[in-house]
Amino acid sequence: SLGGSQYREFLLAGIFAQTVAFNAAFTTVGLAGDLHQGIIDRM
């Protein structure tokens, strides 16, 4: 309903930007886990 094949070409760059932004949560959880498991203290 938004443009078919032309919309899919338009979409992908937005998906790229959104995904790498969402992957910041990967860093957040990983570092919080290291912190509360004592790994940061050992480092």
PDB file of all heavy atoms in Angstrom:
ATOM      1  N   SER A   1       0.818  -1.223   0.000  1.00  0.00           N
ATOM      2  CA  SER A   1       0.000   0.000   0.000  1.00  0.00           C
ATOM      3  C   SER A   1       0.843   1.261   0.000  1.00  0.00           C
ATOM      4  O   SER A   1       0.306   2.374  -0.110  1.00  0.00           O
ATOM      5  CB  SER A   1      -0.928   0.009   1.216  1.00  0.00           C
ATOM      6  OG  SER A   1      -0.179  -0.012   2.413  1.00  0.00           O
ATOM      7  N   LEU A   2       2.184   1.108   0.125  1.00  0.00           N
ATOM      8  CA  LEU A   2       3.056   2.285   0.211  1.00  0.00           C
ATOM      9  C   LEU A   2       3.925   2.483  -1.033  1.00  0.00           C
ATOM     10  O   LEU A   2       4.718   3.429  -1.079  1.00  0.00           O
ATOM     11  CB  LEU A   2       3.962   2.171   1.448  1.00  0.00           C
ATOM     12  CG  LEU A   2       3.255   2.284   2.798  1.00  0.00           C
ATOM     13  CD1 LEU A   2       4.228   1.985   3.929  1.00  0.00           C
ATOM     14  CD2 LEU A   2       2.650   3.667   2.981  1.00  0.00           C
ATOM     15  N   GLY A   3       3.798   1.588  -2.006  1.00  0.00           N
ATOM     16  CA  GLY A   3       4.583   1.793  -3.224  1.00  0.00           C
ATOM     17  C   GLY A   3       5.208   0.562  -3.809  1.00  0.00           C
ATOM     18  O   GLY A   3       5.957   0.650  -4.782  1.00  0.00           O
ATOM     19  N   GLY A   4       4.958  -0.601  -3.229  1.00  0.00           N
ATOM     20  CA  GLY A   4       5.447  -1.849  -3.808  1.00  0.00           C
ATOM     21  C   GLY A   4       6.950  -1.929  -3.902  1.00  0.00           C
ATOM     22  O   GLY A   4       7.680  -1.655  -2.946  1.00  0.00           O
ATOM     23  N   SER A   5       7.459  -2.290  -5.078  1.00  0.00           N
ATOM     24  CA  SER A   5       8.895  -2.496  -5.263  1.00  0.00           C
ATOM     25  C   SER A   5       9.689  -1.215  -5.033  1.00  0.00           C
ATOM     26  O   SER A   5      10.809  -1.251  -4.522  1.00  0.00           O
ATOM     27  CB  SER A   5       9.172  -3.045  -6.663  1.00  0.00           C
ATOM     28  OG  SER A   5       8.716  -2.123  -7.647  1.00  0.00           O
ATOM     29  N   GLN A   6       9.113  -0.078  -5.415  1.00  0.00           N
ATOM     30  CA  GLN A   6       9.824   1.188  -5.182  1.00  0.00           C
ATOM     31  C   GLN A   6       9.938   1.481  -3.689  1.00  0.00           C
ATOM     32  O   GLN A   6      10.954   2.023  -3.239  1.00  0.00           O
ATOM     33  CB  GLN A   6       9.099   2.330  -5.894  1.00  0.00           C
ATOM     34  CG  GLN A   6       9.272   2.323  -7.406  1.00  0.00           C
ATOM     35  CD  GLN A   6       8.594   3.508  -8.047  1.00  0.00           C
ATOM     36  OE1 GLN A   6       7.383   3.677  -7.967  1.00  0.00           O
ATOM     37  NE2 GLN A   6       9.378   4.354  -8.704  1.00  0.00           N
ATOM     38  N   TYR A   7       8.908   1.130  -2.937  1.00  0.00           N
ATOM     39  CA  TYR A   7       8.983   1.332  -1.491  1.00  0.00           C
ATOM     40  C   TYR A   7      10.041   0.432  -0.877  1.00  0.00           C
ATOM     41  O   TYR A   7      10.729   0.835   0.068  1.00  0.00           O
ATOM     42  CB  TYR A   7       7.628   1.061  -0.837  1.00  0.00           C
ATOM     43  CG  TYR A   7       7.681   1.181   0.670  1.00  0.00           C
ATOM     44  CD1 TYR A   7       7.816   2.428   1.279  1.00  0.00           C
ATOM     45  CD2 TYR A   7       7.655   0.051   1.482  1.00  0.00           C
ATOM     46  CE1 TYR A   7       7.900   2.553   2.655  1.00  0.00           C
ATOM     47  CE2 TYR A   7       7.731   0.169   2.867  1.00  0.00           C
ATOM     48  CZ  TYR A   7       7.850   1.415   3.442  1.00  0.00           C
ATOM     49  OH  TYR A   7       7.947   1.531   4.812  1.00  0.00           O
ATOM     50  N   ARG A   8      10.195  -0.782  -1.388  1.00  0.00           N
ATOM     51  CA  ARG A   8      11.206  -1.685  -0.831  1.00  0.00           C
ATOM     52  C   ARG A   8      12.609  -1.120  -1.034  1.00  0.00           C
ATOM     53  O   ARG A   8      13.477  -1.287  -0.177  1.00  0.00           O
ATOM     54  CB  ARG A   8      11.060  -3.078  -1.454  1.00  0.00           C
ATOM     55  CG  ARG A   8       9.807  -3.805  -0.982  1.00  0.00           C
ATOM     56  CD  ARG A   8       9.848  -5.280  -1.315  1.00  0.00           C
ATOM     57  NE  ARG A   8       9.638  -5.543  -2.731  1.00  0.00           N
ATOM     58  CZ  ARG A   8       8.442  -5.698  -3.292  1.00  0.00           C
ATOM     59  NH1 ARG A   8       7.341  -5.596  -2.548  1.00  0.00           N
ATOM     60  NH2 ARG A   8       8.335  -5.951  -4.583  1.00  0.00           N
ATOM     61  N   GLU A   9      12.847  -0.469  -2.162  1.00  0.00           N
ATOM     62  CA  GLU A   9      14.146   0.180  -2.360  1.00  0.00           C
ATOM     63  C   GLU A   9      14.320   1.339  -1.380  1.00  0.00           C
ATOM     64  O   GLU A   9      15.398   1.537  -0.828  1.00  0.00           O
ATOM     65  CB  GLU A   9      14.273   0.677  -3.805  1.00  0.00           C
ATOM     66  CG  GLU A   9      14.529  -0.410  -4.815  1.00  0.00           C
ATOM     67  CD  GLU A   9      15.591  -0.008  -5.827  1.00  0.00           C
ATOM     68  OE1 GLU A   9      15.804   1.202  -6.023  1.00  0.00           O
ATOM     69  OE2 GLU A   9      16.225  -0.927  -6.389  1.00  0.00           O
ATOM     70  N   PHE A  10      13.257   2.098  -1.178  1.00  0.00           N
ATOM     71  CA  PHE A  10      13.292   3.214  -0.231  1.00  0.00           C
ATOM     72  C   PHE A  10      13.497   2.713   1.186  1.00  0.00           C
ATOM     73  O   PHE A  10      14.201   3.334   2.000  1.00  0.00           O
ATOM     74  CB  PHE A  10      11.966   3.989  -0.336  1.00  0.00           C
ATOM     75  CG  PHE A  10      11.772   5.063   0.694  1.00  0.00           C
ATOM     76  CD1 PHE A  10      12.279   6.337   0.494  1.00  0.00           C
ATOM     77  CD2 PHE A  10      11.078   4.812   1.871  1.00  0.00           C
ATOM     78  CE1 PHE A  10      12.082   7.337   1.435  1.00  0.00           C
ATOM     79  CE2 PHE A  10      10.888   5.797   2.815  1.00  0.00           C
ATOM     80  CZ  PHE A  10      11.391   7.072   2.597  1.00  0.00           C
ATOM     81  N   LEU A  11      12.915   1.565   1.514  1.00  0.00           N
ATOM     82  CA  LEU A  11      12.873   1.054   2.879  1.00  0.00           C
ATOM     83  C   LEU A  11      14.227   0.639   3.429  1.00  0.00           C
ATOM     84  O   LEU A  11      14.530   0.895   4.598  1.00  0.00           O
ATOM     85  CB  LEU A  11      11.914  -0.148   2.924  1.00  0.00           C
ATOM     86  CG  LEU A  11      11.876  -0.960   4.223  1.00  0.00           C
ATOM     87  CD1 LEU A  11      11.263  -0.132   5.351  1.00  0.00           C
ATOM     88  CD2 LEU A  11      11.086  -2.250   4.006  1.00  0.00           C
ATOM     89  N   LEU A  12      15.050  -0.017   2.602  1.00  0.00           N
ATOM     90  CA  LEU A  12      16.220  -0.709   3.144  1.00  0.00           C
ATOM     91  C   LEU A  12      17.201   0.200   3.865  1.00  0.00           C
ATOM     92  O   LEU A  12      17.729  -0.153   4.925  1.00  0.00           O
ATOM     93  CB  LEU A  12      16.928  -1.486   2.029  1.00  0.00           C
ATOM     94  CG  LEU A  12      16.608  -2.982   1.984  1.00  0.00           C
ATOM     95  CD1 LEU A  12      17.174  -3.707   3.200  1.00  0.00           C
ATOM     96  CD2 LEU A  12      15.120  -3.235   1.882  1.00  0.00           C
ATOM     97  N   ALA A  13      17.446   1.389   3.341  1.00  0.00           N
ATOM     98  CA  ALA A  13      18.368   2.305   4.026  1.00  0.00           C
ATOM     99  C   ALA A  13      17.828   2.682   5.398  1.00  0.00           C
ATOM    100  O   ALA A  13      18.587   2.833   6.361  1.00  0.00           O
ATOM    101  CB  ALA A  13      18.620   3.553   3.181  1.00  0.00           C
ATOM    102  N   GLY A  14      16.510   2.833   5.512  1.00  0.00           N
ATOM    103  CA  GLY A  14      15.899   3.111   6.806  1.00  0.00           C
ATOM    104  C   GLY A  14      16.043   1.942   7.769  1.00  0.00           C
ATOM    105  O   GLY A  14      16.311   2.139   8.958  1.00  0.00           O
ATOM    106  N   ILE A  15      15.896   0.726   7.255  1.00  0.00           N
ATOM    107  CA  ILE A  15      16.086  -0.468   8.087  1.00  0.00           C
ATOM    108  C   ILE A  15      17.530  -0.554   8.565  1.00  0.00           C
ATOM    109  O   ILE A  15      17.802  -0.898   9.721  1.00  0.00           O
ATOM    110  CB  ILE A  15      15.700  -1.736   7.312  1.00  0.00           C
ATOM    111  CG1 ILE A  15      14.195  -1.744   7.020  1.00  0.00           C
ATOM    112  CG2 ILE A  15      16.084  -2.978   8.091  1.00  0.00           C
ATOM    113  CD1 ILE A  15      13.324  -2.023   8.200  1.00  0.00           C
ATOM    114  N   PHE A  16      18.481  -0.242   7.678  1.00  0.00           N
ATOM    115  CA  PHE A  16      19.895  -0.245   8.085  1.00  0.00           C
ATOM    116  C   PHE A  16      20.112   0.707   9.256  1.00  0.00           C
ATOM    117  O   PHE A  16      20.743   0.351  10.258  1.00  0.00           O
ATOM    118  CB  PHE A  16      20.795   0.189   6.914  1.00  0.00           C
ATOM    119  CG  PHE A  16      20.834  -0.769   5.755  1.00  0.00           C
ATOM    120  CD1 PHE A  16      21.250  -0.340   4.508  1.00  0.00           C
ATOM    121  CD2 PHE A  16      20.456  -2.092   5.895  1.00  0.00           C
ATOM    122  CE1 PHE A  16      21.304  -1.198   3.425  1.00  0.00           C
ATOM    123  CE2 PHE A  16      20.495  -2.970   4.821  1.00  0.00           C
ATOM    124  CZ  PHE A  16      20.923  -2.516   3.580  1.00  0.00           C
ATOM    125  N   ALA A  17      19.610   1.937   9.109  1.00  0.00           N
ATOM    126  CA  ALA A  17      19.814   2.953  10.160  1.00  0.00           C
ATOM    127  C   ALA A  17      19.126   2.542  11.455  1.00  0.00           C
ATOM    128  O   ALA A  17      19.690   2.675  12.547  1.00  0.00           O
ATOM    129  CB  ALA A  17      19.289   4.304   9.678  1.00  0.00           C
ATOM    130  N   GLN A  18      17.893   2.036  11.344  1.00  0.00           N
ATOM    131  CA  GLN A  18      17.166   1.630  12.544  1.00  0.00           C
ATOM    132  C   GLN A  18      17.853   0.470  13.251  1.00  0.00           C
ATOM    133  O   GLN A  18      17.969   0.441  14.476  1.00  0.00           O
ATOM    134  CB  GLN A  18      15.736   1.238  12.187  1.00  0.00           C
ATOM    135  CG  GLN A  18      14.877   0.895  13.392  1.00  0.00           C
ATOM    136  CD  GLN A  18      14.000  -0.321  13.154  1.00  0.00           C
ATOM    137  OE1 GLN A  18      14.379  -1.251  12.451  1.00  0.00           O
ATOM    138  NE2 GLN A  18      12.826  -0.314  13.751  1.00  0.00           N
ATOM    139  N   THR A  19      18.345  -0.497  12.492  1.00  0.00           N
ATOM    140  CA  THR A  19      18.943  -1.692  13.092  1.00  0.00           C
ATOM    141  C   THR A  19      20.205  -1.367  13.866  1.00  0.00           C
ATOM    142  O   THR A  19      20.393  -1.835  14.994  1.00  0.00           O
ATOM    143  CB  THR A  19      19.246  -2.731  12.000  1.00  0.00           C
ATOM    144  OG1 THR A  19      18.009  -3.123  11.389  1.00  0.00           O
ATOM    145  CG2 THR A  19      19.924  -3.957  12.591  1.00  0.00           C
ATOM    146  N   VAL A  20      21.093  -0.552  13.281  1.00  0.00           N
ATOM    147  CA  VAL A  20      22.332  -0.246  14.003  1.00  0.00           C
ATOM    148  C   VAL A  20      22.043   0.605  15.227  1.00  0.00           C
ATOM    149  O   VAL A  20      22.777   0.543  16.223  1.00  0.00           O
ATOM    150  CB  VAL A  20      23.374   0.425  13.079  1.00  0.00           C
ATOM    151  CG1 VAL A  20      23.751  -0.501  11.930  1.00  0.00           C
ATOM    152  CG2 VAL A  20      22.904   1.764  12.545  1.00  0.00           C
ATOM    153  N   ALA A  21      20.963   1.413  15.169  1.00  0.00           N
ATOM    154  CA  ALA A  21      20.563   2.166  16.367  1.00  0.00           C
ATOM    155  C   ALA A  21      20.049   1.210  17.442  1.00  0.00           C
ATOM    156  O   ALA A  21      20.421   1.315  18.618  1.00  0.00           O
ATOM    157  CB  ALA A  21      19.498   3.200  16.015  1.00  0.00           C
ATOM    158  N   PHE A  22      19.213   0.253  17.056  1.00  0.00           N
ATOM    159  CA  PHE A  22      18.691  -0.718  18.005  1.00  0.00           C
ATOM    160  C   PHE A  22      19.794  -1.595  18.584  1.00  0.00           C
ATOM    161  O   PHE A  22      19.692  -2.051  19.725  1.00  0.00           O
ATOM    162  CB  PHE A  22      17.639  -1.595  17.326  1.00  0.00           C
ATOM    163  CG  PHE A  22      16.239  -1.050  17.436  1.00  0.00           C
ATOM    164  CD1 PHE A  22      15.984   0.297  17.190  1.00  0.00           C
ATOM    165  CD2 PHE A  22      15.178  -1.864  17.763  1.00  0.00           C
ATOM    166  CE1 PHE A  22      14.701   0.814  17.280  1.00  0.00           C
ATOM    167  CE2 PHE A  22      13.887  -1.362  17.864  1.00  0.00           C
ATOM    168  CZ  PHE A  22      13.641  -0.018  17.619  1.00  0.00           C
ATOM    169  N   ASN A  23      20.845  -1.831  17.817  1.00  0.00           N
ATOM    170  CA  ASN A  23      21.938  -2.670  18.316  1.00  0.00           C
ATOM    171  C   ASN A  23      22.728  -2.000  19.433  1.00  0.00           C
ATOM    172  O   ASN A  23      23.551  -2.651  20.086  1.00  0.00           O
ATOM    173  CB  ASN A  23      22.879  -3.067  17.172  1.00  0.00           C
ATOM    174  CG  ASN A  23      22.297  -4.176  16.317  1.00  0.00           C
ATOM    175  OD1 ASN A  23      21.275  -4.771  16.655  1.00  0.00           O
ATOM    176  ND2 ASN A  23      22.929  -4.452  15.194  1.00  0.00           N
ATOM    177  N   ALA A  24      22.485  -0.711  19.672  1.00  0.00           N
ATOM    178  CA  ALA A  24      23.076  -0.057  20.843  1.00  0.00           C
ATOM    179  C   ALA A  24      22.603  -0.725  22.124  1.00  0.00           C
ATOM    180  O   ALA A  24      23.316  -0.754  23.133  1.00  0.00           O
ATOM    181  CB  ALA A  24      22.720   1.434  20.857  1.00  0.00           C
ATOM    182  N   ALA A  25      21.388  -1.291  22.093  1.00  0.00           N
ATOM    183  CA  ALA A  25      20.874  -2.023  23.252  1.00  0.00           C
ATOM    184  C   ALA A  25      21.720  -3.261  23.531  1.00  0.00           C
ATOM    185  O   ALA A  25      21.824  -3.706  24.681  1.00  0.00           O
ATOM    186  CB  ALA A  25      19.416  -2.413  23.018  1.00  0.00           C
ATOM    187  N   PHE A  26      22.319  -3.818  22.493  1.00  0.00           N
ATOM    188  CA  PHE A  26      23.224  -4.954  22.650  1.00  0.00           C
ATOM    189  C   PHE A  26      24.418  -4.555  23.519  1.00  0.00           C
ATOM    190  O   PHE A  26      24.838  -5.287  24.415  1.00  0.00           O
ATOM    191  CB  PHE A  26      23.686  -5.394  21.254  1.00  0.00           C
ATOM    192  CG  PHE A  26      24.299  -6.762  21.193  1.00  0.00           C
ATOM    193  CD1 PHE A  26      23.511  -7.896  21.262  1.00  0.00           C
ATOM    194  CD2 PHE A  26      25.667  -6.913  21.034  1.00  0.00           C
ATOM    195  CE1 PHE A  26      24.071  -9.157  21.192  1.00  0.00           C
ATOM    196  CE2 PHE A  26      26.236  -8.167  20.955  1.00  0.00           C
ATOM    197  CZ  PHE A  26      25.433  -9.297  21.033  1.00  0.00           C
ATOM    198  N   THR A  27      24.957  -3.365  23.255  1.00  0.00           N
ATOM    199  CA  THR A  27      26.055  -2.836  24.063  1.00  0.00           C
ATOM    200  C   THR A  27      25.595  -2.566  25.488  1.00  0.00           C
ATOM    201  O   THR A  27      26.301  -2.883  26.456  1.00  0.00           O
ATOM    202  CB  THR A  27      26.590  -1.530  23.444  1.00  0.00           C
ATOM    203  OG1 THR A  27      26.878  -1.731  22.069  1.00  0.00           O
ATOM    204  CG2 THR A  27      27.833  -1.060  24.165  1.00  0.00           C
ATOM    205  N   THR A  28      24.407  -1.985  25.622  1.00  0.00           N
ATOM    206  CA  THR A  28      23.873  -1.641  26.941  1.00  0.00           C
ATOM    207  C   THR A  28      23.765  -2.874  27.826  1.00  0.00           C
ATOM    208  O   THR A  28      24.258  -2.897  28.961  1.00  0.00           O
ATOM    209  CB  THR A  28      22.483  -0.993  26.800  1.00  0.00           C
ATOM    210  OG1 THR A  28      22.607   0.196  26.018  1.00  0.00           O
ATOM    211  CG2 THR A  28      21.901  -0.641  28.156  1.00  0.00           C
ATOM    212  N   VAL A  29      23.130  -3.919  27.322  1.00  0.00           N
ATOM    213  CA  VAL A  29      22.912  -5.130  28.118  1.00  0.00           C
ATOM    214  C   VAL A  29      24.234  -5.848  28.385  1.00  0.00           C
ATOM    215  O   VAL A  29      24.486  -6.315  29.501  1.00  0.00           O
ATOM    216  CB  VAL A  29      21.912  -6.059  27.405  1.00  0.00           C
ATOM    217  CG1 VAL A  29      21.781  -7.387  28.142  1.00  0.00           C
ATOM    218  CG2 VAL A  29      20.557  -5.387  27.292  1.00  0.00           C
ATOM    219  N   GLY A  30      25.100  -5.909  27.378  1.00  0.00           N
ATOM    220  CA  GLY A  30      26.376  -6.594  27.563  1.00  0.00           C
ATOM    221  C   GLY A  30      27.241  -5.940  28.616  1.00  0.00           C
ATOM    222  O   GLY A  30      27.819  -6.615  29.475  1.00  0.00           O
ATOM    223  N   LEU A  31      27.313  -4.619  28.584  1.00  0.00           N
ATOM    224  CA  LEU A  31      28.150  -3.915  29.551  1.00  0.00           C
ATOM    225  C   LEU A  31      27.520  -3.955  30.940  1.00  0.00           C
ATOM    226  O   LEU A  31      28.230  -4.099  31.950  1.00  0.00           O
ATOM    227  CB  LEU A  31      28.361  -2.476  29.098  1.00  0.00           C
ATOM    228  CG  LEU A  31      29.517  -1.717  29.755  1.00  0.00           C
ATOM    229  CD1 LEU A  31      30.829  -2.476  29.601  1.00  0.00           C
ATOM    230  CD2 LEU A  31      29.648  -0.330  29.153  1.00  0.00           C
ATOM    231  N   ALA A  32      26.191  -3.847  31.012  1.00  0.00           N
ATOM    232  CA  ALA A  32      25.518  -3.947  32.312  1.00  0.00           C
ATOM    233  C   ALA A  32      25.726  -5.328  32.914  1.00  0.00           C
ATOM    234  O   ALA A  32      25.940  -5.471  34.125  1.00  0.00           O
ATOM    235  CB  ALA A  32      24.024  -3.653  32.152  1.00  0.00           C
ATOM    236  N   GLY A  33      25.691  -6.362  32.064  1.00  0.00           N
ATOM    237  CA  GLY A  33      25.944  -7.716  32.551  1.00  0.00           C
ATOM    238  C   GLY A  33      27.350  -7.868  33.084  1.00  0.00           C
ATOM    239  O   GLY A  33      27.565  -8.460  34.159  1.00  0.00           O
ATOM    240  N   ASP A  34      28.334  -7.342  32.361  1.00  0.00           N
ATOM    241  CA  ASP A  34      29.727  -7.397  32.831  1.00  0.00           C
ATOM    242  C   ASP A  34      29.886  -6.668  34.162  1.00  0.00           C
ATOM    243  O   ASP A  34      30.613  -7.115  35.049  1.00  0.00           O
ATOM    244  CB  ASP A  34      30.658  -6.774  31.788  1.00  0.00           C
ATOM    245  CG  ASP A  34      30.848  -7.653  30.567  1.00  0.00           C
ATOM    246  OD1 ASP A  34      30.447  -8.836  30.618  1.00  0.00           O
ATOM    247  OD2 ASP A  34      31.378  -7.155  29.557  1.00  0.00           O
ATOM    248  N   LEU A  35      29.191  -5.550  34.276  1.00  0.00           N
ATOM    249  CA  LEU A  35      29.303  -4.755  35.493  1.00  0.00           C
ATOM    250  C   LEU A  35      28.737  -5.497  36.696  1.00  0.00           C
ATOM    251  O   LEU A  35      29.381  -5.567  37.750  1.00  0.00           O
ATOM    252  CB  LEU A  35      28.573  -3.414  35.295  1.00  0.00           C
ATOM    253  CG  LEU A  35      28.529  -2.464  36.487  1.00  0.00           C
ATOM    254  CD1 LEU A  35      29.928  -2.028  36.884  1.00  0.00           C
ATOM    255  CD2 LEU A  35      27.668  -1.249  36.153  1.00  0.00           C
ATOM    256  N   HIS A  36      27.570  -6.081  36.555  1.00  0.00           N
ATOM    257  CA  HIS A  36      26.893  -6.684  37.701  1.00  0.00           C
ATOM    258  C   HIS A  36      27.321  -8.132  37.955  1.00  0.00           C
ATOM    259  O   HIS A  36      26.993  -8.688  39.003  1.00  0.00           O
ATOM    260  CB  HIS A  36      25.382  -6.578  37.514  1.00  0.00           C
ATOM    261  CG  HIS A  36      24.899  -5.166  37.482  1.00  0.00           C
ATOM    262  ND1 HIS A  36      24.867  -4.367  38.610  1.00  0.00           N
ATOM    263  CD2 HIS A  36      24.484  -4.371  36.455  1.00  0.00           C
ATOM    264  CE1 HIS A  36      24.426  -3.164  38.281  1.00  0.00           C
ATOM    265  NE2 HIS A  36      24.200  -3.138  36.979  1.00  0.00           N
ATOM    266  N   GLN A  37      28.078  -8.708  37.018  1.00  0.00           N
ATOM    267  CA  GLN A  37      28.658 -10.029  37.255  1.00  0.00           C
ATOM    268  C   GLN A  37      30.072  -9.937  37.826  1.00  0.00           C
ATOM    269  O   GLN A  37      30.712 -10.964  38.069  1.00  0.00           O
ATOM    270  CB  GLN A  37      28.690 -10.831  35.953  1.00  0.00           C
ATOM    271  CG  GLN A  37      27.307 -11.234  35.446  1.00  0.00           C
ATOM    272  CD  GLN A  37      27.342 -11.791  34.044  1.00  0.00           C
ATOM    273  OE1 GLN A  37      28.409 -12.091  33.503  1.00  0.00           O
ATOM    274  NE2 GLN A  37      26.176 -11.924  33.427  1.00  0.00           N
ATOM    275  N   GLY A  38      30.565  -8.729  38.007  1.00  0.00           N
ATOM    276  CA  GLY A  38      31.879  -8.539  38.598  1.00  0.00           C
ATOM    277  C   GLY A  38      33.031  -8.556  37.616  1.00  0.00           C
ATOM    278  O   GLY A  38      34.196  -8.442  38.015  1.00  0.00           O
ATOM    279  N   ILE A  39      32.719  -8.699  36.322  1.00  0.00           N
ATOM    280  CA  ILE A  39      33.798  -8.753  35.322  1.00  0.00           C
ATOM    281  C   ILE A  39      34.503  -7.410  35.213  1.00  0.00           C
ATOM    282  O   ILE A  39      35.738  -7.347  35.060  1.00  0.00           O
ATOM    283  CB  ILE A  39      33.230  -9.197  33.962  1.00  0.00           C
ATOM    284  CG1 ILE A  39      32.722 -10.633  34.058  1.00  0.00           C
ATOM    285  CG2 ILE A  39      34.281  -9.076  32.861  1.00  0.00           C
ATOM    286  CD1 ILE A  39      31.989 -11.120  32.835  1.00  0.00           C
ATOM    287  N   ILE A  40      33.748  -6.314  35.321  1.00  0.00           N
ATOM    288  CA  ILE A  40      34.366  -4.986  35.282  1.00  0.00           C
ATOM    289  C   ILE A  40      35.314  -4.809  36.467  1.00  0.00           C
ATOM    290  O   ILE A  40      36.410  -4.239  36.327  1.00  0.00           O
ATOM    291  CB  ILE A  40      33.287  -3.887  35.297  1.00  0.00           C
ATOM    292  CG1 ILE A  40      32.435  -3.954  34.030  1.00  0.00           C
ATOM    293  CG2 ILE A  40      33.913  -2.511  35.457  1.00  0.00           C
ATOM    294  CD1 ILE A  40      33.169  -3.641  32.767  1.00  0.00           C
ATOM    295  N   ASP A  41      34.936  -5.335  37.635  1.00  0.00           N
ATOM    296  CA  ASP A  41      35.804  -5.244  38.814  1.00  0.00           C
ATOM    297  C   ASP A  41      37.112  -5.983  38.572  1.00  0.00           C
ATOM    298  O   ASP A  41      38.187  -5.511  38.967  1.00  0.00           O
ATOM    299  CB  ASP A  41      35.096  -5.821  40.041  1.00  0.00           C
ATOM    300  CG  ASP A  41      33.962  -4.931  40.531  1.00  0.00           C
ATOM    301  OD1 ASP A  41      34.010  -3.716  40.240  1.00  0.00           O
ATOM    302  OD2 ASP A  41      33.035  -5.443  41.167  1.00  0.00           O
ATOM    303  N   ARG A  42      37.024  -7.141  37.929  1.00  0.00           N
ATOM    304  CA  ARG A  42      38.251  -7.892  37.649  1.00  0.00           C
ATOM    305  C   ARG A  42      39.122  -7.162  36.640  1.00  0.00           C
ATOM    306  O   ARG A  42      40.351  -7.148  36.766  1.00  0.00           O
ATOM    307  CB  ARG A  42      37.901  -9.293  37.139  1.00  0.00           C
ATOM    308  CG  ARG A  42      37.320 -10.201  38.226  1.00  0.00           C
ATOM    309  CD  ARG A  42      37.352 -11.658  37.826  1.00  0.00           C
ATOM    310  NE  ARG A  42      36.391 -11.964  36.785  1.00  0.00           N
ATOM    311  CZ  ARG A  42      35.137 -12.311  37.002  1.00  0.00           C
ATOM    312  NH1 ARG A  42      34.675 -12.361  38.246  1.00  0.00           N
ATOM    313  NH2 ARG A  42      34.337 -12.594  35.995  1.00  0.00           N
ATOM    314  N   MET A  43      38.495  -6.556  35.636  1.00  0.00           N
ATOM    315  CA  MET A  43      39.269  -5.797  34.658  1.00  0.00           C
ATOM    316  C   MET A  43      39.924  -4.576  35.298  1.00  0.00           C
ATOM    317  O   MET A  43      41.025  -4.171  34.909  1.00  0.00           O
ATOM    318  CB  MET A  43      38.369  -5.355  33.498  1.00  0.00           C
ATOM    319  CG  MET A  43      37.937  -6.480  32.583  1.00  0.00           C
ATOM    320  SD  MET A  43      36.928  -5.879  31.202  1.00  0.00           S
ATOM    321  CE  MET A  43      36.675  -7.400  30.281  1.00  0.00           C
TER     322      MET A  43
END
